[in-house]
Amino acid sequence: MGRGRANRDWVGRAWTAHPTIGGHPTDALWHPRRVPPAQQTSSTVRWMIPLVVLVAAASAGAGLLTREIYQRPLVDTPPLAEVSSTTPRAALPGDRTVKLTADAAEHPEHEAVRGLLQSHFDAINDRRYDAWAATVTALRAQGMPRSQWESDYASTQDGSIVVQRIESASTTSLRVLLNFVSTQDTAKAPDDLRSDCIRWRVVYLLVWDGNKLKLSNGPENRSPQYESC
């Protein structure tokens, strides 16, 4: 459905220090918590060996972890580029390339999601109804005939599209949280926000249609959040 009238979708040891007692050197006295020097040295060596081994193992493990982190392949997606509220109005809606956050890029279907959304927003920006219809389910396309679609999106431009999160809703569907900016004639904006520039936060329901993802009609799509740029 269009965006105007519809919805967009955290015990250490004690040590005696008396030089002599009764004329006897303290080295000759036994104390229940005193360890003779020879025994102390042997004991110290015994407990230091496992400590050294433990430290060495921890260092090696840290090295492996660091190497794993820095050798992890980079995700082939553009970085997150939030749109600042101080971005000049003339620069909006911004780049039309769909971007993913690091969190969204962790999902195994992130490339399929990005590809679908890129085709979807490109179709809207380029006013290509047939291309748009190919990105949505048949039921959703039926609810938006060509004449209505062309009217609703006649002046729309979308950009600054960022997929924040992707969740598996079921074995056959995904929920996608994203935000983007749209510009349009005020007459085509939602009834309760007649603005020519809107920041959207929406949840889209995507379903598998054969081996392709498509945007579906779902309750997730009916409660978008939006505000004027």
Protein backbone atom coordinates (compact mmCIF):
# COMPACT_ATOMS: atom_id res chain seq x y z
CA MET A 1 0.00 0.00 0.00
CA GLY A 2 1.12 3.56 -0.52
CA ARG A 3 2.61 5.69 2.21
CA GLY A 4 0.06 8.48 2.03
CA ARG A 5 -3.09 6.81 3.27
CA ALA A 6 -1.61 3.51 4.23
CA ASN A 7 1.17 2.40 6.55
CA ARG A 8 4.86 2.09 5.95
CA ASP A 9 5.59 -0.73 6.62
CA TRP A 10 23.56 -5.17 28.26
CA VAL A 11 46.44 -17.32 54.38
CA GLY A 12 49.29 -15.78 53.10
CA ARG A 13 52.31 -17.09 55.06
CA ALA A 14 53.11 -15.58 58.51
CA TRP A 15 56.86 -15.22 59.03
CA THR A 16 58.52 -14.84 62.48
CA ALA A 17 61.21 -12.21 62.57
CA HIS A 18 62.90 -12.82 65.95
CA PRO A 19 66.70 -12.94 65.52
CA THR A 20 67.07 -15.40 68.45
CA ILE A 21 64.84 -17.05 70.98
CA GLY A 22 66.46 -18.47 74.15
CA GLY A 23 69.83 -18.10 72.46
CA HIS A 24 68.81 -20.30 69.57
CA PRO A 25 68.70 -18.95 66.04
CA THR A 26 65.19 -18.67 64.69
CA ASP A 27 66.23 -20.73 61.66
CA ALA A 28 66.37 -23.74 63.99
CA LEU A 29 62.77 -23.27 65.21
CA TRP A 30 59.74 -24.85 63.68
CA HIS A 31 56.65 -22.74 63.23
CA PRO A 32 53.35 -24.22 62.05
CA ARG A 33 53.05 -21.59 59.26
CA ARG A 34 56.71 -21.18 58.52
CA VAL A 35 58.35 -22.98 55.62
CA PRO A 36 62.07 -23.70 55.80
CA PRO A 37 63.99 -21.87 53.09
CA ALA A 38 64.87 -25.01 51.09
CA GLN A 39 61.32 -26.27 51.22
CA GLN A 40 60.03 -22.82 50.40
CA THR A 41 62.16 -22.64 47.26
CA SER A 42 61.04 -26.08 46.13
CA SER A 43 57.42 -25.28 46.85
CA THR A 44 57.68 -21.97 45.05
CA VAL A 45 59.08 -23.65 41.96
CA ARG A 46 56.32 -26.24 42.02
CA TRP A 47 53.48 -23.71 42.05
CA MET A 48 55.19 -21.32 39.65
CA ILE A 49 55.51 -23.94 36.89
CA PRO A 50 51.76 -24.38 36.33
CA LEU A 51 51.34 -20.61 36.64
CA VAL A 52 53.86 -19.99 33.88
CA VAL A 53 52.16 -22.63 31.73
CA LEU A 54 48.79 -21.03 32.37
CA VAL A 55 50.03 -17.55 31.46
CA ALA A 56 51.66 -18.89 28.30
CA ALA A 57 48.48 -20.69 27.31
CA ALA A 58 46.40 -17.58 27.95
CA SER A 59 48.77 -15.48 25.86
CA ALA A 60 48.63 -17.98 23.03
CA GLY A 61 44.84 -18.07 23.24
CA ALA A 62 44.64 -14.30 23.16
CA GLY A 63 46.89 -14.27 20.13
CA LEU A 64 44.69 -16.78 18.34
CA LEU A 65 41.57 -14.81 19.23
CA THR A 66 43.08 -11.57 18.01
CA ARG A 67 44.21 -13.21 14.79
CA GLU A 68 40.73 -14.69 14.28
CA ILE A 69 39.08 -11.32 14.78
CA TYR A 70 41.35 -9.44 12.43
CA GLN A 71 41.39 -12.18 9.82
CA ARG A 72 37.61 -12.55 9.81
CA PRO A 73 36.43 -11.77 6.29
CA LEU A 74 34.88 -8.35 5.89
CA VAL A 75 31.20 -8.26 5.04
CA ASP A 76 30.77 -7.02 1.51
CA THR A 77 28.23 -4.38 2.45
CA PRO A 78 28.44 -0.62 2.80
CA PRO A 79 28.88 0.59 6.37
CA LEU A 80 26.11 2.10 8.41
CA ALA A 81 25.65 5.74 7.53
CA GLU A 82 23.18 7.41 9.80
CA VAL A 83 21.67 10.63 8.54
CA SER A 84 22.42 13.48 10.89
CA SER A 85 19.65 15.89 11.80
CA THR A 86 22.01 18.62 10.64
CA THR A 87 22.27 17.18 7.12
CA PRO A 88 21.32 19.95 4.69
CA ARG A 89 17.76 19.59 3.52
CA ALA A 90 18.91 19.77 -0.08
CA ALA A 91 21.01 16.62 0.45
CA LEU A 92 18.01 14.51 1.44
CA PRO A 93 16.77 11.85 0.94
CA GLY A 94 20.44 10.89 0.56
CA ASP A 95 22.18 7.91 -1.02
CA ARG A 96 19.71 5.39 -2.44
CA THR A 97 22.05 2.42 -1.84
CA VAL A 98 20.67 -0.01 0.75
CA LYS A 99 23.13 -0.41 3.62
CA LEU A 100 23.35 -2.92 6.45
CA THR A 101 24.46 -2.53 10.03
CA ALA A 102 26.99 -5.04 11.38
CA ASP A 103 24.14 -6.69 13.28
CA ALA A 104 22.01 -7.13 10.16
CA ALA A 105 25.00 -8.41 8.20
CA GLU A 106 25.34 -11.31 10.66
CA HIS A 107 22.12 -12.89 9.39
CA PRO A 108 22.75 -15.65 6.83
CA GLU A 109 20.17 -14.19 4.44
CA HIS A 110 21.49 -10.63 4.58
CA GLU A 111 22.51 -10.54 0.91
CA ALA A 112 19.11 -11.79 -0.25
CA VAL A 113 17.44 -9.17 1.93
CA ARG A 114 19.62 -6.36 0.68
CA GLY A 115 19.15 -7.38 -2.93
CA LEU A 116 15.37 -7.46 -2.58
CA LEU A 117 15.19 -4.09 -0.84
CA GLN A 118 17.55 -2.50 -3.35
CA SER A 119 15.30 -3.62 -6.22
CA HIS A 120 12.21 -2.48 -4.30
CA PHE A 121 13.44 1.04 -3.58
CA ASP A 122 15.01 1.42 -7.02
CA ALA A 123 11.64 0.61 -8.59
CA ILE A 124 9.94 3.30 -6.51
CA ASN A 125 12.62 5.89 -7.24
CA ASP A 126 12.56 5.12 -10.96
CA ARG A 127 8.73 4.91 -11.21
CA ARG A 128 8.76 1.34 -12.56
CA TYR A 129 5.58 -0.38 -11.43
CA ASP A 130 6.35 -3.78 -12.98
CA ALA A 131 9.75 -3.86 -11.27
CA TRP A 132 8.10 -2.93 -7.98
CA ALA A 133 5.42 -5.62 -8.40
CA ALA A 134 8.18 -8.21 -8.85
CA THR A 135 9.47 -7.41 -5.35
CA VAL A 136 6.17 -7.97 -3.54
CA THR A 137 3.77 -10.88 -3.18
CA ALA A 138 0.92 -11.25 -5.64
CA LEU A 139 -1.57 -10.37 -2.91
CA ARG A 140 0.24 -7.16 -2.11
CA ALA A 141 0.48 -6.20 -5.77
CA GLN A 142 -3.25 -6.82 -6.20
CA GLY A 143 -3.93 -4.35 -3.40
CA MET A 144 -1.97 -1.66 -5.24
CA PRO A 145 -3.02 -1.48 -8.90
CA ARG A 146 -0.82 0.42 -11.31
CA SER A 147 -2.91 3.59 -11.41
CA GLN A 148 -2.98 3.94 -7.63
CA TRP A 149 0.73 3.11 -7.31
CA GLU A 150 1.73 5.67 -9.92
CA SER A 151 -0.36 8.29 -8.16
CA ASP A 152 0.86 7.52 -4.64
CA TYR A 153 4.53 7.42 -5.64
CA ALA A 154 4.48 10.10 -8.32
CA SER A 155 6.83 12.41 -6.43
CA THR A 156 8.52 9.99 -4.01
CA GLN A 157 12.28 9.64 -3.68
CA ASP A 158 13.75 7.32 -1.05
CA GLY A 159 17.29 7.30 0.32
CA SER A 160 19.49 6.85 3.39
CA ILE A 161 18.16 3.27 3.58
CA VAL A 162 19.68 1.33 6.46
CA VAL A 163 18.70 -2.20 7.48
CA GLN A 164 19.12 -2.24 11.23
CA ARG A 165 18.21 -5.84 12.01
CA ILE A 166 17.06 -9.06 10.34
CA GLU A 167 15.20 -11.74 12.29
CA SER A 168 13.89 -15.12 11.24
CA ALA A 169 10.16 -14.96 11.90
CA SER A 170 9.60 -18.56 10.81
CA THR A 171 11.13 -21.12 8.47
CA THR A 172 9.57 -19.26 5.54
CA SER A 173 9.66 -15.60 6.58
CA LEU A 174 11.88 -12.85 7.92
CA ARG A 175 11.26 -9.61 9.79
CA VAL A 176 13.41 -6.67 8.73
CA LEU A 177 13.79 -3.50 10.77
CA LEU A 178 14.97 -0.56 8.69
CA ASN A 179 14.95 3.19 8.49
CA PHE A 180 15.05 5.51 5.50
CA VAL A 181 14.21 9.01 4.38
CA SER A 182 11.60 9.90 1.79
CA THR A 183 10.87 13.16 0.01
CA GLN A 184 7.54 13.78 -1.70
CA ASP A 185 4.88 16.33 -2.37
CA THR A 186 3.12 17.17 0.87
CA ALA A 187 -0.17 16.00 -0.65
CA LYS A 188 1.31 12.50 -0.95
CA ALA A 189 2.53 12.39 2.65
CA PRO A 190 0.57 10.66 5.43
CA ASP A 191 -2.59 12.46 6.47
CA ASP A 192 -1.21 13.12 9.95
CA LEU A 193 2.18 14.40 8.75
CA ARG A 194 1.98 16.61 5.71
CA SER A 195 5.70 17.00 5.24
CA ASP A 196 7.83 16.97 2.11
CA CYS A 197 10.63 15.12 3.97
CA ILE A 198 10.01 12.22 6.35
CA ARG A 199 12.26 9.89 8.33
CA TRP A 200 10.74 6.42 8.49
CA ARG A 201 11.32 3.51 10.93
CA VAL A 202 9.49 0.42 9.72
CA VAL A 203 9.34 -3.35 10.03
CA TYR A 204 8.86 -5.30 6.80
CA LEU A 205 7.71 -8.89 6.62
CA LEU A 206 9.55 -10.84 3.92
CA VAL A 207 8.45 -14.27 2.75
CA TRP A 208 10.03 -16.87 0.52
CA ASP A 209 8.26 -17.28 -2.81
CA GLY A 210 10.04 -20.26 -4.33
CA ASN A 211 13.71 -19.29 -4.10
CA LYS A 212 13.06 -15.55 -3.94
CA LEU A 213 12.25 -13.23 -1.08
CA LYS A 214 9.31 -10.87 -1.45
CA LEU A 215 7.67 -8.18 0.64
CA SER A 216 4.40 -9.38 2.09
CA ASN A 217 1.40 -7.85 3.77
CA GLY A 218 1.64 -8.46 7.49
CA PRO A 219 0.80 -6.79 10.79
CA GLU A 220 4.45 -5.74 11.09
CA ASN A 221 3.95 -3.42 8.11
CA ARG A 222 1.00 -1.58 9.62
CA SER A 223 2.66 0.34 12.45
CA PRO A 224 5.42 2.48 10.95
CA GLN A 225 6.99 5.32 12.90
CA TYR A 226 7.79 8.55 11.16
CA GLU A 227 8.73 12.16 11.76
CA SER A 228 9.49 15.19 9.73
CA CYS A 229 13.10 15.75 8.66
